């Protein structure tokens, strides 16, 4: 009898383990335009693939720290001009080919090529050469010291790719991560599954499906019906109290690196006039946008820098809501009767909902903004690459990315040599106190130049079934890292 009980207990335990849930369905609002994180500005690509399918030499953790990735270790020369990386042993791509120093060199040669489509190419401009020392060792030589290099190498734009799979990477991504790409049903979902040959710890999940649900009402319905297990970047913040009161769900509220801005085409009249850009800034009531579009979730910002960063300075007072001042500035600029412009709005709720509010605010001071709703791929083509816009609303979710203002070819076309020189100095500075002072000056310059309308720092809002554990609460980069996610017993 005792043996029979033992056998029964063991059988129950085995059955319980066999039935333990190991797959997950994650919903998000935006679908990637393609699946190559090294040749597009779309954060939706990283939301699916970062750390899951693709890995870099270094990587971000959920707390924002940068840790070794495909590089097990590195040595930095005394002059800061040489970084020698030792790669991890026995790393393979999902097609079975070995990842080695040649792949690292290929990746960065491609990033730095004259015809590169890498959205953050400027971050790696200081790399003058990438040398294969041996299959497990690669050396990067810089033209000047760069205190941000290890941080920049953790971006999704710097994940390691292979020449063998590069031609089809946009539709069939091949990386080194713990999950391999299975299929993409465009307009609906992407499925990934556990990669048996992964060099690191095996994840608890065996497969994951990313569902794309752009409509906030449909998002609410999908979560309530338990058709999805997690919704990251939940687009209907007005529904969060209902989920908080429901024991089936948990609500995660954290911070992101997403500076949400009224991006302004600085090279297009009349926005090439500082007074007009200042008028825009004073016409905007940030808190009304946060309350109306995000139901109170979001932190007002007066510059392009995350409030949770220790180097942040609060400059919101310099562009406080003051419609009378906005009208006076327009009159001073010779535009007392106002003007007409376009306002391109991509799909996220912060843009579509926020855009309606901003258009009404601008109308109060005489600026007529024609709202043009665009899909994400169209936004990338028309606004980001084509620079054919007056105004747009977008959240820049890349970490500590104020350096984009040093690129005059960036889509808002801000060209300030003094700012460019300051960022070059910042990049070559390693002393923490000096870097903090330089970052403060950088924030002040772009705020004083009213380059864009600085709205709010996007909150990270997620809803998940109560049993899901290991999700990131904060978003130090745009990613849905599933490597530590599991279901509670």
Protein backbone atom coordinates (compact mmCIF):
# COMPACT_ATOMS: atom_id res chain seq x y z
CA UNK A 1 0.00 0.00 0.00
CA UNK A 2 2.83 2.40 0.93
CA UNK A 3 4.63 1.75 -2.38
CA UNK A 4 1.39 2.28 -4.27
CA UNK A 5 0.92 5.68 -2.56
CA UNK A 6 4.47 6.67 -3.42
CA UNK A 7 3.94 5.69 -7.03
CA UNK A 8 0.64 7.59 -7.17
CA UNK A 9 2.22 10.71 -5.67
CA UNK A 10 5.09 10.50 -8.14
CA UNK A 11 2.68 10.08 -11.03
CA UNK A 12 0.70 13.15 -9.93
CA UNK A 13 3.91 15.15 -9.64
CA UNK A 14 5.02 14.06 -13.10
CA UNK A 15 1.61 14.89 -14.56
CA UNK A 16 1.66 18.30 -12.86
CA UNK A 17 5.06 19.04 -14.36
CA UNK A 18 3.90 17.87 -17.75
CA UNK A 19 0.88 20.18 -17.57
CA UNK A 20 2.87 23.20 -16.35
CA UNK A 21 2.27 26.07 -18.74
CA UNK A 22 5.36 26.95 -20.75
CA UNK A 23 4.00 29.06 -23.59
CA UNK A 24 2.83 32.67 -23.47
CA UNK A 25 0.90 35.12 -25.63
CA UNK A 26 2.08 38.71 -25.40
CA UNK A 27 0.08 41.51 -26.99
CA UNK A 28 1.40 44.91 -28.05
CA UNK A 29 -0.01 47.80 -30.01
CA UNK A 30 2.55 48.22 -32.79
CA UNK A 31 3.62 45.62 -35.34
CA UNK A 32 7.22 45.84 -36.57
CA UNK A 33 7.65 47.08 -40.16
CA UNK A 34 10.28 44.37 -40.60
CA UNK A 35 12.51 42.26 -38.35
CA UNK A 36 16.01 43.73 -38.67
CA UNK A 37 16.78 45.87 -35.59
CA UNK A 38 20.03 47.07 -37.19
CA UNK A 39 18.38 48.88 -40.10
CA UNK A 40 15.33 50.74 -38.81
CA UNK A 41 14.26 53.25 -36.20
CA UNK A 42 11.12 51.30 -35.25
CA UNK A 43 11.20 50.37 -31.57
CA UNK A 44 8.54 47.74 -32.23
CA UNK A 45 11.29 45.53 -33.71
CA UNK A 46 13.22 45.54 -30.44
CA UNK A 47 9.97 45.03 -28.52
CA UNK A 48 9.75 41.56 -30.02
CA UNK A 49 13.34 40.54 -30.73
CA UNK A 50 15.70 42.24 -28.23
CA UNK A 51 17.41 39.63 -26.01
CA UNK A 52 14.91 37.05 -27.20
CA UNK A 53 16.18 36.43 -30.73
CA UNK A 54 19.10 38.87 -31.09
CA UNK A 55 21.95 39.68 -28.70
CA UNK A 56 24.75 42.24 -28.65
CA UNK A 57 28.21 42.30 -27.12
CA UNK A 58 26.60 43.88 -24.06
CA UNK A 59 22.96 44.02 -22.99
CA UNK A 60 20.53 45.95 -20.81
CA UNK A 61 18.93 44.38 -17.77
CA UNK A 62 15.54 45.34 -16.41
CA UNK A 63 17.07 47.72 -13.87
CA UNK A 64 18.91 49.61 -16.61
CA UNK A 65 22.32 48.16 -15.85
CA UNK A 66 24.62 47.09 -18.70
CA UNK A 67 26.09 43.59 -18.39
CA UNK A 68 28.14 41.28 -20.62
CA UNK A 69 26.24 39.74 -23.52
CA UNK A 70 28.02 37.88 -26.30
CA UNK A 71 31.24 39.41 -24.97
CA UNK A 72 32.25 37.49 -21.86
CA UNK A 73 34.75 40.20 -20.90
CA UNK A 74 36.76 43.11 -22.27
CA UNK A 75 39.88 45.13 -21.70
CA UNK A 76 40.18 48.88 -22.30
CA UNK A 77 43.52 50.44 -23.15
CA UNK A 78 44.90 53.14 -20.86
CA UNK A 79 44.22 55.84 -23.47
CA UNK A 80 40.62 54.65 -23.93
CA UNK A 81 41.13 54.15 -27.66
CA UNK A 82 41.13 50.37 -27.81
CA UNK A 83 38.56 47.84 -26.56
CA UNK A 84 39.47 44.16 -26.78
CA UNK A 85 36.48 41.84 -26.39
CA UNK A 86 36.70 38.17 -25.52
CA UNK A 87 33.67 36.40 -26.96
CA UNK A 88 31.78 33.61 -25.27
CA UNK A 89 32.61 30.04 -26.27
CA UNK A 90 30.35 27.82 -28.33
CA UNK A 91 27.82 30.44 -29.39
CA UNK A 92 25.85 29.54 -32.50
CA UNK A 93 23.30 31.31 -34.62
CA UNK A 94 19.90 29.69 -34.98
CA UNK A 95 20.90 28.25 -38.36
CA UNK A 96 23.66 26.29 -36.62
CA UNK A 97 26.59 28.40 -37.82
CA UNK A 98 29.19 29.54 -35.30
CA UNK A 99 29.16 33.12 -34.01
CA UNK A 100 32.73 34.41 -33.90
CA UNK A 101 34.85 37.55 -34.28
CA UNK A 102 34.25 37.64 -38.04
CA UNK A 103 30.54 38.14 -37.39
CA UNK A 104 31.27 40.98 -34.97
CA UNK A 105 33.46 42.66 -37.57
CA UNK A 106 30.81 42.15 -40.25
CA UNK A 107 28.14 43.67 -38.00
CA UNK A 108 30.05 46.86 -37.28
CA UNK A 109 31.47 47.25 -40.77
CA UNK A 110 27.88 47.13 -41.96
CA UNK A 111 26.74 49.66 -39.36
CA UNK A 112 29.50 52.08 -40.35
CA UNK A 113 29.24 51.59 -44.12
CA UNK A 114 28.50 54.65 -46.22
CA UNK A 115 25.15 53.20 -47.32
CA UNK A 116 24.24 52.01 -43.82
CA UNK A 117 20.56 52.09 -42.89
CA UNK A 118 21.33 51.85 -39.17
CA UNK A 119 19.18 54.42 -37.38
CA UNK A 120 21.82 55.03 -34.70
CA UNK A 121 24.94 54.97 -36.87
CA UNK A 122 26.17 58.16 -35.18
CA UNK A 123 26.53 56.31 -31.87
CA UNK A 124 29.30 54.19 -33.38
CA UNK A 125 31.01 56.83 -35.49
CA UNK A 126 34.04 56.90 -33.19
CA UNK A 127 34.86 53.28 -34.15
CA UNK A 128 37.61 53.59 -36.74
CA UNK A 129 38.45 49.90 -37.10
CA UNK A 130 37.23 46.46 -36.02
CA UNK A 131 39.99 43.86 -36.07
CA UNK A 132 39.69 40.09 -35.77
CA UNK A 133 42.48 39.04 -33.40
CA UNK A 134 41.39 35.39 -33.39
CA UNK A 135 38.00 33.65 -33.64
CA UNK A 136 37.16 34.47 -30.01
CA UNK A 137 38.76 37.92 -29.79
CA UNK A 138 37.89 41.18 -31.49
CA UNK A 139 39.47 44.60 -31.07
CA UNK A 140 37.72 47.92 -31.64
CA UNK A 141 39.85 51.00 -32.22
CA UNK A 142 38.36 54.43 -31.62
CA UNK A 143 39.31 57.83 -33.02
CA UNK A 144 38.70 59.33 -29.57
CA UNK A 145 37.68 57.99 -26.16
CA UNK A 146 33.97 57.29 -25.83
CA UNK A 147 32.58 56.99 -22.33
CA UNK A 148 29.29 55.64 -23.72
CA UNK A 149 30.65 52.80 -25.83
CA UNK A 150 29.66 49.82 -23.64
CA UNK A 151 26.25 51.45 -23.11
CA UNK A 152 25.80 52.04 -26.83
CA UNK A 153 26.79 48.46 -27.66
CA UNK A 154 23.78 47.31 -25.61
CA UNK A 155 21.32 49.04 -27.96
CA UNK A 156 19.24 46.89 -30.28
CA UNK A 157 20.91 48.68 -33.20
CA UNK A 158 24.18 46.88 -32.35
CA UNK A 159 23.05 43.26 -32.07
CA UNK A 160 25.33 40.79 -33.81
CA UNK A 161 24.21 39.48 -37.18
CA UNK A 162 25.79 37.10 -39.69
CA UNK A 163 26.58 37.60 -43.37
CA UNK A 164 25.03 34.19 -44.19
CA UNK A 165 21.54 35.33 -43.15
CA UNK A 166 21.64 39.08 -43.81
CA UNK A 167 19.83 38.99 -47.16
CA UNK A 168 16.64 37.62 -45.62
CA UNK A 169 16.96 39.11 -42.12
CA UNK A 170 13.98 41.45 -42.50
CA UNK A 171 11.60 38.53 -42.92
CA UNK A 172 13.58 35.62 -41.45
CA UNK A 173 15.71 36.93 -38.56
CA UNK A 174 18.54 34.67 -37.41
CA UNK A 175 20.18 35.55 -34.11
CA UNK A 176 21.99 33.94 -31.19
CA UNK A 177 19.34 34.38 -28.48
CA UNK A 178 17.48 31.80 -26.40
CA UNK A 179 14.50 31.94 -28.77
CA UNK A 180 14.49 31.37 -32.52
CA UNK A 181 12.09 32.94 -34.99
CA UNK A 182 9.34 30.58 -36.21
CA UNK A 183 6.92 32.56 -38.33
CA UNK A 184 5.29 35.93 -38.92
CA UNK A 185 1.65 36.22 -39.90
CA UNK A 186 1.69 39.82 -41.00
CA UNK A 187 -1.08 41.90 -39.53
CA UNK A 188 -1.58 39.42 -36.73
CA UNK A 189 1.33 37.80 -34.89
CA UNK A 190 4.94 36.61 -34.63
CA UNK A 191 5.86 33.31 -33.02
CA UNK A 192 9.21 32.38 -31.51
CA UNK A 193 10.27 29.18 -29.76
CA UNK A 194 13.08 27.98 -27.53
CA UNK A 195 16.43 27.43 -29.27
CA UNK A 196 17.95 24.12 -28.16
CA UNK A 197 21.51 25.18 -28.96
CA UNK A 198 21.52 28.33 -26.82
CA UNK A 199 24.84 29.07 -25.12
CA UNK A 200 23.32 30.42 -21.89
CA UNK A 201 20.63 29.49 -19.39
CA UNK A 202 17.58 27.78 -20.83
CA UNK A 203 14.47 29.97 -20.45
CA UNK A 204 11.41 28.66 -18.66
CA UNK A 205 9.19 29.40 -21.65
CA UNK A 206 9.27 27.04 -24.61
CA UNK A 207 7.45 29.33 -27.02
CA UNK A 208 5.88 32.77 -27.24
CA UNK A 209 3.42 34.45 -29.56
CA UNK A 210 3.39 38.22 -30.00
CA UNK A 211 -0.07 39.48 -31.00
CA UNK A 212 -0.55 42.95 -32.51
CA UNK A 213 -3.69 44.78 -31.40
CA UNK A 214 -3.68 48.45 -32.31
CA UNK A 215 -7.17 49.46 -31.20
CA UNK A 216 -7.49 50.33 -27.47
CA UNK A 217 -11.03 48.94 -27.27
CA UNK A 218 -9.92 45.65 -28.82
CA UNK A 219 -6.94 45.59 -26.46
CA UNK A 220 -9.23 45.84 -23.44
CA UNK A 221 -11.50 43.11 -24.78
CA UNK A 222 -8.58 40.74 -25.51
CA UNK A 223 -7.19 41.05 -21.99
CA UNK A 224 -10.57 40.74 -20.27
CA UNK A 225 -11.40 37.63 -22.31
CA UNK A 226 -7.97 36.20 -21.39
CA UNK A 227 -7.17 35.75 -25.07
CA UNK A 228 -3.70 37.10 -24.28
CA UNK A 229 -1.56 36.54 -21.21
CA UNK A 230 0.24 39.88 -21.19
CA UNK A 231 -0.33 43.25 -22.85
CA UNK A 232 2.78 45.44 -22.79
CA UNK A 233 2.41 49.14 -23.50
CA UNK A 234 -1.30 48.83 -22.73
CA UNK A 235 -2.98 51.53 -24.86
CA UNK A 236 -6.10 52.20 -22.77
CA UNK A 237 -4.91 53.58 -19.40
CA UNK A 238 -8.49 54.47 -18.46
CA UNK A 239 -9.14 50.73 -18.00
CA UNK A 240 -6.27 50.05 -15.58
CA UNK A 241 -8.35 50.53 -12.38
CA UNK A 242 -10.73 47.82 -13.61
CA UNK A 243 -7.82 45.39 -14.03
CA UNK A 244 -6.36 46.35 -10.65
CA UNK A 245 -9.64 45.37 -9.03
CA UNK A 246 -9.77 42.01 -10.82
CA UNK A 247 -7.85 39.18 -9.05
CA UNK A 248 -7.15 37.53 -12.41
CA UNK A 249 -4.75 40.30 -13.37
CA UNK A 250 -1.75 42.29 -12.24
CA UNK A 251 -1.03 45.83 -13.41
CA UNK A 252 2.61 46.88 -13.81
CA UNK A 253 3.29 50.62 -13.81
CA UNK A 254 6.87 51.69 -14.40
CA UNK A 255 9.04 54.16 -16.23
CA UNK A 256 10.40 54.16 -19.76
CA UNK A 257 13.11 55.99 -21.64
CA UNK A 258 10.37 57.39 -23.87
CA UNK A 259 10.50 61.16 -24.20
CA UNK A 260 7.17 61.95 -25.84
CA UNK A 261 7.58 65.07 -27.95
CA UNK A 262 5.84 67.29 -30.47
CA UNK A 263 8.56 66.82 -33.06
CA UNK A 264 9.07 69.94 -35.17
CA UNK A 265 10.62 70.25 -38.62
CA UNK A 266 13.26 72.87 -37.80
CA UNK A 267 14.26 73.26 -41.45
CA UNK A 268 10.74 74.04 -42.68
CA UNK A 269 9.24 77.53 -42.52
CA UNK A 270 7.92 78.86 -40.24
CA UNK A 271 9.53 76.46 -37.76
CA UNK A 272 13.00 77.68 -38.75
CA UNK A 273 12.12 80.78 -36.67
CA UNK A 274 12.94 80.36 -32.96
CA UNK A 275 10.02 82.60 -31.99
CA UNK A 276 7.55 80.31 -33.74
CA UNK A 277 8.97 77.24 -32.00
CA UNK A 278 8.79 79.08 -28.66
CA UNK A 279 5.18 79.97 -29.43
CA UNK A 280 4.46 76.27 -29.97
CA UNK A 281 6.00 75.44 -26.62
CA UNK A 282 3.90 78.00 -24.74
CA UNK A 283 0.71 76.96 -26.55
CA UNK A 284 0.93 73.45 -25.11
CA UNK A 285 -0.64 72.49 -21.78
CA UNK A 286 1.37 69.38 -20.86
CA UNK A 287 -0.77 68.35 -17.91
CA UNK A 288 -3.96 68.55 -19.98
CA UNK A 289 -2.35 66.18 -22.51
CA UNK A 290 -1.19 63.77 -19.80
CA UNK A 291 -4.65 63.81 -18.17
CA UNK A 292 -6.64 63.67 -21.39
CA UNK A 293 -4.58 61.21 -23.42
CA UNK A 294 -2.89 59.14 -20.72
CA UNK A 295 -5.35 59.50 -17.81
CA UNK A 296 -2.66 60.94 -15.58
CA UNK A 297 0.11 58.46 -16.39
CA UNK A 298 3.23 60.37 -17.44
CA UNK A 299 5.75 62.88 -16.10
CA UNK A 300 5.98 66.39 -17.64
CA UNK A 301 9.33 67.17 -19.28
CA UNK A 302 10.89 70.39 -20.52
CA UNK A 303 13.77 68.85 -22.44
CA UNK A 304 14.77 65.56 -24.07
CA UNK A 305 15.96 63.67 -21.01
CA UNK A 306 14.42 61.09 -18.68
CA UNK A 307 13.33 62.50 -15.29
CA UNK A 308 14.53 59.36 -13.50
CA UNK A 309 18.10 59.93 -14.76
CA UNK A 310 20.28 61.50 -12.02
CA UNK A 311 21.55 64.10 -14.54
CA UNK A 312 18.03 65.36 -15.37
CA UNK A 313 17.20 69.01 -14.71
CA UNK A 314 13.61 70.27 -14.61
CA UNK A 315 13.23 72.87 -17.35
CA UNK A 316 9.44 72.76 -17.67
CA UNK A 317 9.18 76.29 -16.26
CA UNK A 318 10.90 77.74 -19.31
CA UNK A 319 8.09 76.57 -21.60
CA UNK A 320 5.12 76.83 -19.27
CA UNK A 321 1.61 76.94 -20.72
CA UNK A 322 0.98 80.58 -21.63
CA UNK A 323 -1.26 81.10 -24.68
CA UNK A 324 -1.00 84.89 -24.43
CA UNK A 325 2.77 84.66 -24.65
CA UNK A 326 2.41 82.25 -27.60
CA UNK A 327 0.26 84.77 -29.46
CA UNK A 328 2.70 87.58 -28.71
CA UNK A 329 5.63 85.51 -30.05
CA UNK A 330 3.70 84.75 -33.24
CA UNK A 331 2.97 88.45 -33.69
CA UNK A 332 6.65 89.25 -33.13
CA UNK A 333 7.49 86.69 -35.84
CA UNK A 334 5.13 88.43 -38.26
CA UNK A 335 2.45 85.75 -37.97
CA UNK A 336 -0.26 87.51 -35.97
CA UNK A 337 -2.92 85.71 -38.01
CA UNK A 338 -1.33 82.35 -37.33
CA UNK A 339 -0.53 79.73 -39.97
CA UNK A 340 -1.41 76.26 -41.18
CA UNK A 341 0.70 73.12 -40.84
CA UNK A 342 0.43 69.34 -40.74
CA UNK A 343 0.38 67.07 -37.71
CA UNK A 344 1.30 63.46 -38.55
CA UNK A 345 0.07 61.00 -35.94
CA UNK A 346 1.34 57.36 -35.80
CA UNK A 347 -0.89 54.68 -34.21
CA UNK A 348 0.06 54.75 -30.49
CA UNK A 349 -2.63 56.13 -28.21
CA UNK A 350 -0.34 58.83 -26.83
CA UNK A 351 -0.04 60.19 -30.40
CA UNK A 352 -3.60 59.80 -31.66
CA UNK A 353 -5.27 60.92 -28.45
CA UNK A 354 -2.61 63.49 -27.60
CA UNK A 355 -2.72 64.86 -31.13
CA UNK A 356 -6.39 65.76 -30.90
CA UNK A 357 -5.73 67.70 -27.69
CA UNK A 358 -2.65 69.46 -29.06
CA UNK A 359 -4.43 70.44 -32.27
CA UNK A 360 -7.14 72.09 -30.19
CA UNK A 361 -4.54 73.88 -28.04
CA UNK A 362 -2.66 75.17 -31.10
CA UNK A 363 -5.93 76.40 -32.62
CA UNK A 364 -6.44 78.59 -29.56
CA UNK A 365 -3.38 80.65 -30.56
CA UNK A 366 -4.13 80.70 -34.28
CA UNK A 367 -2.18 77.65 -35.50
CA UNK A 368 -4.26 75.30 -37.64
CA UNK A 369 -2.80 71.79 -37.57
CA UNK A 370 -4.20 69.38 -40.14
CA UNK A 371 -4.24 65.96 -38.51
CA UNK A 372 -2.91 63.17 -40.73
CA UNK A 373 -3.21 59.71 -39.19
CA UNK A 374 -0.51 57.38 -40.53
CA UNK A 375 0.51 53.79 -39.95
CA UNK A 376 3.95 53.15 -38.51
CA UNK A 377 5.59 52.16 -41.80
CA UNK A 378 4.18 55.29 -43.44
CA UNK A 379 5.48 57.44 -40.57
CA UNK A 380 8.96 56.00 -41.03
CA UNK A 381 8.86 56.64 -44.76
CA UNK A 382 7.24 60.10 -44.80
CA UNK A 383 8.40 61.67 -41.55
CA UNK A 384 11.54 59.92 -40.37
CA UNK A 385 13.22 59.28 -43.71
CA UNK A 386 11.42 61.73 -45.99
CA UNK A 387 11.33 64.66 -43.52
CA UNK A 388 8.07 65.65 -45.22
CA UNK A 389 6.11 66.98 -42.26
CA UNK A 390 5.45 70.05 -40.15
CA UNK A 391 4.70 68.51 -36.77
CA UNK A 392 4.40 64.98 -35.45
CA UNK A 393 4.08 63.26 -32.09
CA UNK A 394 6.34 60.37 -31.18
CA UNK A 395 7.92 58.86 -28.09
CA UNK A 396 11.68 58.36 -28.40
CA UNK A 397 12.21 55.20 -26.36
CA UNK A 398 15.96 54.81 -26.90
CA UNK A 399 18.00 55.17 -23.69
CA UNK A 400 19.77 58.48 -23.00
CA UNK A 401 19.49 59.58 -26.61
CA UNK A 402 19.99 63.35 -26.37
CA UNK A 403 22.88 62.87 -28.80
CA UNK A 404 20.40 62.66 -31.69
CA UNK A 405 20.24 66.47 -31.54
CA UNK A 406 23.87 66.57 -32.67
CA UNK A 407 22.89 65.02 -36.01
CA UNK A 408 21.66 67.76 -38.40
CA UNK A 409 20.34 65.08 -40.77
CA UNK A 410 18.06 63.61 -38.12
CA UNK A 411 14.41 63.97 -39.06
CA UNK A 412 13.70 67.17 -37.08
CA UNK A 413 16.78 68.74 -38.74
CA UNK A 414 18.22 70.73 -35.83
CA UNK A 415 21.64 72.09 -36.79
CA UNK A 416 23.59 73.72 -33.95
CA UNK A 417 27.42 73.46 -34.21
CA UNK A 418 27.85 74.46 -30.56
CA UNK A 419 25.59 71.61 -29.46
CA UNK A 420 27.39 69.20 -31.77
CA UNK A 421 30.71 70.19 -30.21
CA UNK A 422 29.29 69.74 -26.71
CA UNK A 423 28.08 66.20 -27.50
CA UNK A 424 31.45 65.33 -29.03
CA UNK A 425 33.07 66.46 -25.78
CA UNK A 426 30.54 64.47 -23.75
CA UNK A 427 31.23 61.32 -25.76
CA UNK A 428 34.96 61.60 -25.15
CA UNK A 429 34.60 62.33 -21.41
CA UNK A 430 34.71 59.62 -18.79
CA UNK A 431 34.74 61.66 -15.54
CA UNK A 432 31.24 61.26 -14.02
CA UNK A 433 30.93 64.80 -12.60
CA UNK A 434 32.09 66.40 -15.85
CA UNK A 435 29.66 64.25 -17.81
CA UNK A 436 26.79 65.30 -15.55
CA UNK A 437 27.62 68.98 -16.10
CA UNK A 438 27.83 68.50 -19.85
CA UNK A 439 24.48 66.67 -19.93
CA UNK A 440 22.89 69.53 -18.00
CA UNK A 441 24.21 72.05 -20.55
CA UNK A 442 22.95 69.89 -23.40
CA UNK A 443 19.46 69.81 -21.89
CA UNK A 444 19.46 73.58 -21.46
CA UNK A 445 20.56 74.28 -25.04
CA UNK A 446 17.80 72.28 -26.73
CA UNK A 447 15.21 73.62 -24.28
CA UNK A 448 16.27 77.22 -24.95
CA UNK A 449 16.22 76.55 -28.70
CA UNK A 450 12.72 75.02 -28.36
CA UNK A 451 13.84 72.38 -30.86
CA UNK A 452 10.72 70.34 -30.17
CA UNK A 453 7.68 70.60 -27.96
CA UNK A 454 8.63 68.54 -24.90
CA UNK A 455 5.52 66.85 -23.53
CA UNK A 456 5.99 63.99 -21.07
CA UNK A 457 7.96 60.90 -20.19
CA UNK A 458 5.96 57.88 -21.26
CA UNK A 459 4.94 55.52 -18.48
CA UNK A 460 5.39 51.77 -18.89
CA UNK A 461 1.91 50.30 -18.53
CA UNK A 462 1.37 46.56 -18.69
CA UNK A 463 -1.42 44.18 -17.75
CA UNK A 464 -0.72 40.49 -17.18
CA UNK A 465 -2.36 37.44 -15.75
CA UNK A 466 -1.55 37.12 -12.07
CA UNK A 467 0.49 33.94 -12.54
CA UNK A 468 2.98 35.50 -14.95
CA UNK A 469 6.26 36.40 -13.25
CA UNK A 470 9.58 37.90 -14.31
CA UNK A 471 8.30 40.70 -16.56
CA UNK A 472 10.19 43.99 -16.62
CA UNK A 473 8.31 46.70 -14.72
CA UNK A 474 10.45 49.50 -16.11
CA UNK A 475 11.67 49.74 -19.70
CA UNK A 476 15.32 50.86 -19.80
CA UNK A 477 15.13 50.08 -23.51
CA UNK A 478 12.19 49.13 -25.69
CA UNK A 479 12.06 45.39 -25.16
CA UNK A 480 9.85 42.57 -23.97
CA UNK A 481 12.61 40.44 -22.50
CA UNK A 482 11.19 36.93 -22.01
CA UNK A 483 14.45 35.32 -20.87
CA UNK A 484 13.41 35.46 -17.20
CA UNK A 485 9.64 35.09 -17.59
CA UNK A 486 7.79 32.07 -16.25
CA UNK A 487 4.45 30.93 -14.87
CA UNK A 488 4.02 30.59 -11.10
CA UNK A 489 3.35 27.07 -9.90
